[in-house]
Amino acid sequence: MAVHLRLTRVGRHKRPFYRVVAVDSRVPRDGKYIELLGTHDPLQEPAATTLKPDRVLDWLQKGAQPSVTVRTLLRRSGIWATFKESKAPKKPVDA
């Protein structure tokens, strides 16, 4: 099972509101998700995004693939940089 981090749309007509979710890649856009990781409201100025950084990092470390839009949201919040730092190889300390 491939897990993706992506947006699912909620809200009414012409008033979008999105949830950032961890979901099986075969599930439809607004289908059943595994875990709710945050929200994104594009109508606020500036767009309001709230995420659970510890849970997002946990899913990324387990191999979940973010969609292009979710990756952009993660970069803006600084979570993507934290993930890349934790993934980088550690430099050995010379004795």
N, C-alpha and C. Protein backbone atom coordinates (compact mmCIF):
# COMPACT_ATOMS: atom_id res chain seq x y z
N MET A 1 0.84 -1.17 0.00
CA MET A 1 0.00 0.00 0.00
C MET A 1 0.89 1.24 0.00
N ALA A 2 0.71 2.10 -0.99
CA ALA A 2 1.47 3.36 -1.05
C ALA A 2 0.65 4.45 -0.38
N VAL A 3 1.26 5.12 0.58
CA VAL A 3 0.58 6.19 1.28
C VAL A 3 1.02 7.53 0.69
N HIS A 4 0.06 8.38 0.43
CA HIS A 4 0.33 9.72 -0.08
C HIS A 4 -0.20 10.74 0.91
N LEU A 5 0.45 11.88 0.94
CA LEU A 5 -0.06 13.03 1.70
C LEU A 5 -0.65 13.96 0.66
N ARG A 6 -1.95 14.22 0.77
CA ARG A 6 -2.60 15.06 -0.23
C ARG A 6 -3.77 15.81 0.38
N LEU A 7 -4.36 16.67 -0.44
CA LEU A 7 -5.49 17.48 0.01
C LEU A 7 -6.80 16.79 -0.32
N THR A 8 -7.76 16.93 0.55
CA THR A 8 -9.13 16.51 0.29
C THR A 8 -10.01 17.73 0.49
N ARG A 9 -10.94 17.95 -0.40
CA ARG A 9 -11.74 19.17 -0.37
C ARG A 9 -13.00 19.00 0.48
N VAL A 10 -13.22 19.99 1.31
CA VAL A 10 -14.48 20.12 2.05
C VAL A 10 -14.92 21.56 1.85
N GLY A 11 -16.04 21.94 2.36
CA GLY A 11 -16.52 23.30 2.15
C GLY A 11 -17.60 23.31 1.08
N ARG A 12 -18.23 24.44 0.94
CA ARG A 12 -19.35 24.52 0.02
C ARG A 12 -18.93 25.05 -1.35
N HIS A 13 -19.91 25.25 -2.20
CA HIS A 13 -19.69 25.71 -3.57
C HIS A 13 -18.96 27.07 -3.58
N LYS A 14 -17.87 27.15 -4.29
CA LYS A 14 -17.04 28.35 -4.43
C LYS A 14 -16.44 28.85 -3.11
N ARG A 15 -16.43 28.02 -2.09
CA ARG A 15 -15.81 28.35 -0.80
C ARG A 15 -14.94 27.16 -0.38
N PRO A 16 -13.82 26.94 -1.08
CA PRO A 16 -13.02 25.75 -0.80
C PRO A 16 -12.33 25.81 0.56
N PHE A 17 -12.20 24.66 1.15
CA PHE A 17 -11.46 24.46 2.39
C PHE A 17 -10.89 23.05 2.26
N TYR A 18 -9.64 22.89 2.60
CA TYR A 18 -8.98 21.60 2.37
C TYR A 18 -8.45 21.01 3.67
N ARG A 19 -8.43 19.69 3.71
CA ARG A 19 -7.77 18.95 4.78
C ARG A 19 -6.52 18.31 4.19
N VAL A 20 -5.44 18.34 4.94
CA VAL A 20 -4.23 17.62 4.55
C VAL A 20 -4.32 16.26 5.22
N VAL A 21 -4.30 15.20 4.42
CA VAL A 21 -4.53 13.86 4.96
C VAL A 21 -3.48 12.88 4.46
N ALA A 22 -3.28 11.80 5.21
CA ALA A 22 -2.52 10.65 4.79
C ALA A 22 -3.54 9.64 4.26
N VAL A 23 -3.34 9.18 3.04
CA VAL A 23 -4.35 8.34 2.40
C VAL A 23 -3.69 7.30 1.50
N ASP A 24 -4.34 6.16 1.36
CA ASP A 24 -3.90 5.14 0.40
C ASP A 24 -4.03 5.75 -1.00
N SER A 25 -3.04 5.55 -1.83
CA SER A 25 -3.00 6.18 -3.15
C SER A 25 -4.15 5.76 -4.06
N ARG A 26 -4.79 4.64 -3.76
CA ARG A 26 -5.88 4.16 -4.63
C ARG A 26 -7.24 4.74 -4.29
N VAL A 27 -7.34 5.46 -3.18
CA VAL A 27 -8.61 6.01 -2.72
C VAL A 27 -8.92 7.29 -3.48
N PRO A 28 -10.20 7.56 -3.81
CA PRO A 28 -10.57 8.81 -4.49
C PRO A 28 -10.24 10.05 -3.66
N ARG A 29 -10.25 11.20 -4.30
CA ARG A 29 -9.84 12.46 -3.66
C ARG A 29 -10.53 12.70 -2.32
N ASP A 30 -11.83 12.56 -2.27
CA ASP A 30 -12.56 12.84 -1.04
C ASP A 30 -12.98 11.57 -0.31
N GLY A 31 -12.27 10.48 -0.57
CA GLY A 31 -12.59 9.20 0.06
C GLY A 31 -12.05 9.08 1.47
N LYS A 32 -12.13 7.87 2.00
CA LYS A 32 -11.72 7.61 3.38
C LYS A 32 -10.20 7.76 3.50
N TYR A 33 -9.78 8.48 4.54
CA TYR A 33 -8.36 8.70 4.75
C TYR A 33 -7.88 7.99 6.01
N ILE A 34 -6.57 7.83 6.12
CA ILE A 34 -5.97 7.14 7.27
C ILE A 34 -5.88 8.08 8.47
N GLU A 35 -5.37 9.30 8.21
CA GLU A 35 -5.17 10.24 9.32
C GLU A 35 -5.27 11.67 8.82
N LEU A 36 -5.90 12.53 9.62
CA LEU A 36 -5.98 13.95 9.34
C LEU A 36 -4.73 14.62 9.90
N LEU A 37 -3.99 15.33 9.03
CA LEU A 37 -2.72 15.93 9.43
C LEU A 37 -2.77 17.45 9.55
N GLY A 38 -3.82 18.07 9.03
CA GLY A 38 -3.91 19.52 9.12
C GLY A 38 -4.98 20.05 8.19
N THR A 39 -5.02 21.38 8.07
CA THR A 39 -6.00 22.04 7.21
C THR A 39 -5.33 23.14 6.40
N HIS A 40 -6.01 23.55 5.32
CA HIS A 40 -5.53 24.64 4.48
C HIS A 40 -6.74 25.44 4.01
N ASP A 41 -6.73 26.75 4.30
CA ASP A 41 -7.81 27.64 3.90
C ASP A 41 -7.24 28.68 2.93
N PRO A 42 -7.44 28.49 1.62
CA PRO A 42 -6.85 29.41 0.63
C PRO A 42 -7.56 30.75 0.54
N LEU A 43 -8.75 30.89 1.12
CA LEU A 43 -9.51 32.13 0.99
C LEU A 43 -9.07 33.21 1.99
N GLN A 44 -8.39 32.83 3.05
CA GLN A 44 -7.90 33.84 3.98
C GLN A 44 -6.70 34.56 3.36
N GLU A 45 -6.44 35.77 3.81
CA GLU A 45 -5.33 36.54 3.27
C GLU A 45 -4.33 36.80 4.38
N PRO A 46 -3.16 36.22 4.41
CA PRO A 46 -2.65 35.18 3.51
C PRO A 46 -3.31 33.83 3.83
N ALA A 47 -3.13 32.88 2.93
CA ALA A 47 -3.74 31.56 3.09
C ALA A 47 -3.31 30.95 4.43
N ALA A 48 -4.26 30.41 5.16
CA ALA A 48 -4.00 29.85 6.49
C ALA A 48 -3.81 28.34 6.41
N THR A 49 -2.66 27.88 6.87
CA THR A 49 -2.37 26.45 6.89
C THR A 49 -1.98 26.06 8.31
N THR A 50 -2.63 25.05 8.83
CA THR A 50 -2.25 24.50 10.13
C THR A 50 -1.93 23.03 9.93
N LEU A 51 -0.78 22.61 10.44
CA LEU A 51 -0.34 21.23 10.30
C LEU A 51 0.13 20.69 11.64
N LYS A 52 0.12 19.36 11.75
CA LYS A 52 0.69 18.68 12.92
C LYS A 52 2.10 18.24 12.51
N PRO A 53 3.13 19.04 12.83
CA PRO A 53 4.47 18.76 12.31
C PRO A 53 5.01 17.39 12.71
N ASP A 54 4.76 16.96 13.95
CA ASP A 54 5.28 15.66 14.38
C ASP A 54 4.66 14.52 13.59
N ARG A 55 3.36 14.59 13.33
CA ARG A 55 2.69 13.52 12.58
C ARG A 55 3.09 13.54 11.10
N VAL A 56 3.24 14.74 10.53
CA VAL A 56 3.65 14.85 9.13
C VAL A 56 5.06 14.26 8.97
N LEU A 57 5.98 14.63 9.86
CA LEU A 57 7.34 14.09 9.79
C LEU A 57 7.34 12.57 9.95
N ASP A 58 6.49 12.07 10.84
CA ASP A 58 6.41 10.62 11.03
C ASP A 58 6.00 9.92 9.74
N TRP A 59 4.99 10.45 9.05
CA TRP A 59 4.54 9.85 7.79
C TRP A 59 5.62 9.96 6.71
N LEU A 60 6.29 11.09 6.63
CA LEU A 60 7.36 11.26 5.64
C LEU A 60 8.50 10.28 5.88
N GLN A 61 8.85 10.07 7.15
CA GLN A 61 9.93 9.14 7.48
C GLN A 61 9.53 7.69 7.20
N LYS A 62 8.24 7.41 7.22
CA LYS A 62 7.76 6.07 6.89
C LYS A 62 7.68 5.86 5.37
N GLY A 63 7.89 6.92 4.59
CA GLY A 63 7.91 6.77 3.14
C GLY A 63 6.71 7.33 2.41
N ALA A 64 5.83 8.06 3.09
CA ALA A 64 4.67 8.65 2.43
C ALA A 64 5.13 9.71 1.43
N GLN A 65 4.47 9.77 0.28
CA GLN A 65 4.83 10.71 -0.77
C GLN A 65 3.85 11.87 -0.78
N PRO A 66 4.33 13.11 -0.61
CA PRO A 66 3.42 14.26 -0.65
C PRO A 66 3.09 14.64 -2.09
N SER A 67 1.89 15.14 -2.30
CA SER A 67 1.54 15.68 -3.62
C SER A 67 2.32 16.97 -3.82
N VAL A 68 2.31 17.50 -5.02
CA VAL A 68 3.04 18.72 -5.33
C VAL A 68 2.54 19.87 -4.46
N THR A 69 1.23 20.00 -4.31
CA THR A 69 0.66 21.08 -3.52
C THR A 69 1.00 20.92 -2.04
N VAL A 70 0.91 19.72 -1.52
CA VAL A 70 1.23 19.49 -0.12
C VAL A 70 2.71 19.75 0.12
N ARG A 71 3.57 19.37 -0.82
CA ARG A 71 5.00 19.64 -0.67
C ARG A 71 5.25 21.15 -0.58
N THR A 72 4.52 21.93 -1.37
CA THR A 72 4.64 23.39 -1.31
C THR A 72 4.21 23.91 0.05
N LEU A 73 3.12 23.39 0.59
CA LEU A 73 2.67 23.80 1.92
C LEU A 73 3.69 23.42 2.99
N LEU A 74 4.31 22.25 2.84
CA LEU A 74 5.32 21.82 3.80
C LEU A 74 6.56 22.71 3.73
N ARG A 75 6.93 23.13 2.53
CA ARG A 75 8.07 24.05 2.39
C ARG A 75 7.78 25.38 3.05
N ARG A 76 6.58 25.90 2.84
CA ARG A 76 6.21 27.19 3.43
C ARG A 76 6.20 27.14 4.95
N SER A 77 5.83 26.00 5.51
CA SER A 77 5.76 25.88 6.97
C SER A 77 7.10 25.49 7.59
N GLY A 78 8.07 25.08 6.78
CA GLY A 78 9.39 24.70 7.29
C GLY A 78 9.52 23.23 7.64
N ILE A 79 8.46 22.48 7.49
CA ILE A 79 8.50 21.04 7.83
C ILE A 79 9.35 20.28 6.82
N TRP A 80 9.31 20.68 5.55
CA TRP A 80 10.08 19.98 4.51
C TRP A 80 11.58 20.11 4.79
N ALA A 81 12.04 21.29 5.21
CA ALA A 81 13.47 21.49 5.52
C ALA A 81 13.88 20.61 6.70
N THR A 82 13.02 20.51 7.70
CA THR A 82 13.30 19.65 8.85
C THR A 82 13.41 18.20 8.42
N PHE A 83 12.54 17.79 7.52
CA PHE A 83 12.58 16.41 7.02
C PHE A 83 13.87 16.15 6.25
N LYS A 84 14.27 17.08 5.39
CA LYS A 84 15.49 16.91 4.60
C LYS A 84 16.73 16.88 5.50
N GLU A 85 16.74 17.69 6.56
CA GLU A 85 17.88 17.68 7.49
C GLU A 85 17.98 16.35 8.22
N SER A 86 16.85 15.80 8.61
CA SER A 86 16.87 14.52 9.33
C SER A 86 17.26 13.38 8.41
N LYS A 87 17.03 13.55 7.11
CA LYS A 87 17.33 12.50 6.13
C LYS A 87 18.78 12.56 5.65
N ALA A 88 19.43 13.72 5.78
CA ALA A 88 20.80 13.91 5.29
C ALA A 88 21.77 13.03 6.09
N PRO A 89 22.80 12.51 5.41
CA PRO A 89 23.77 11.68 6.13
C PRO A 89 24.57 12.54 7.11
N LYS A 90 24.85 11.97 8.24
CA LYS A 90 25.61 12.67 9.27
C LYS A 90 27.10 12.63 8.91
N LYS A 91 27.78 13.75 9.11
CA LYS A 91 29.23 13.81 8.83
C LYS A 91 29.96 13.22 10.02
N PRO A 92 30.94 12.35 9.76
CA PRO A 92 31.69 11.76 10.89
C PRO A 92 32.58 12.79 11.54
N VAL A 93 32.74 12.68 12.83
CA VAL A 93 33.59 13.58 13.59
C VAL A 93 34.98 12.98 13.64
N ASP A 94 35.98 13.76 13.18
CA ASP A 94 37.35 13.26 13.21
C ASP A 94 37.88 13.26 14.63
N ALA A 95 38.56 12.16 14.99
CA ALA A 95 39.11 12.04 16.35
C ALA A 95 40.49 12.60 16.44
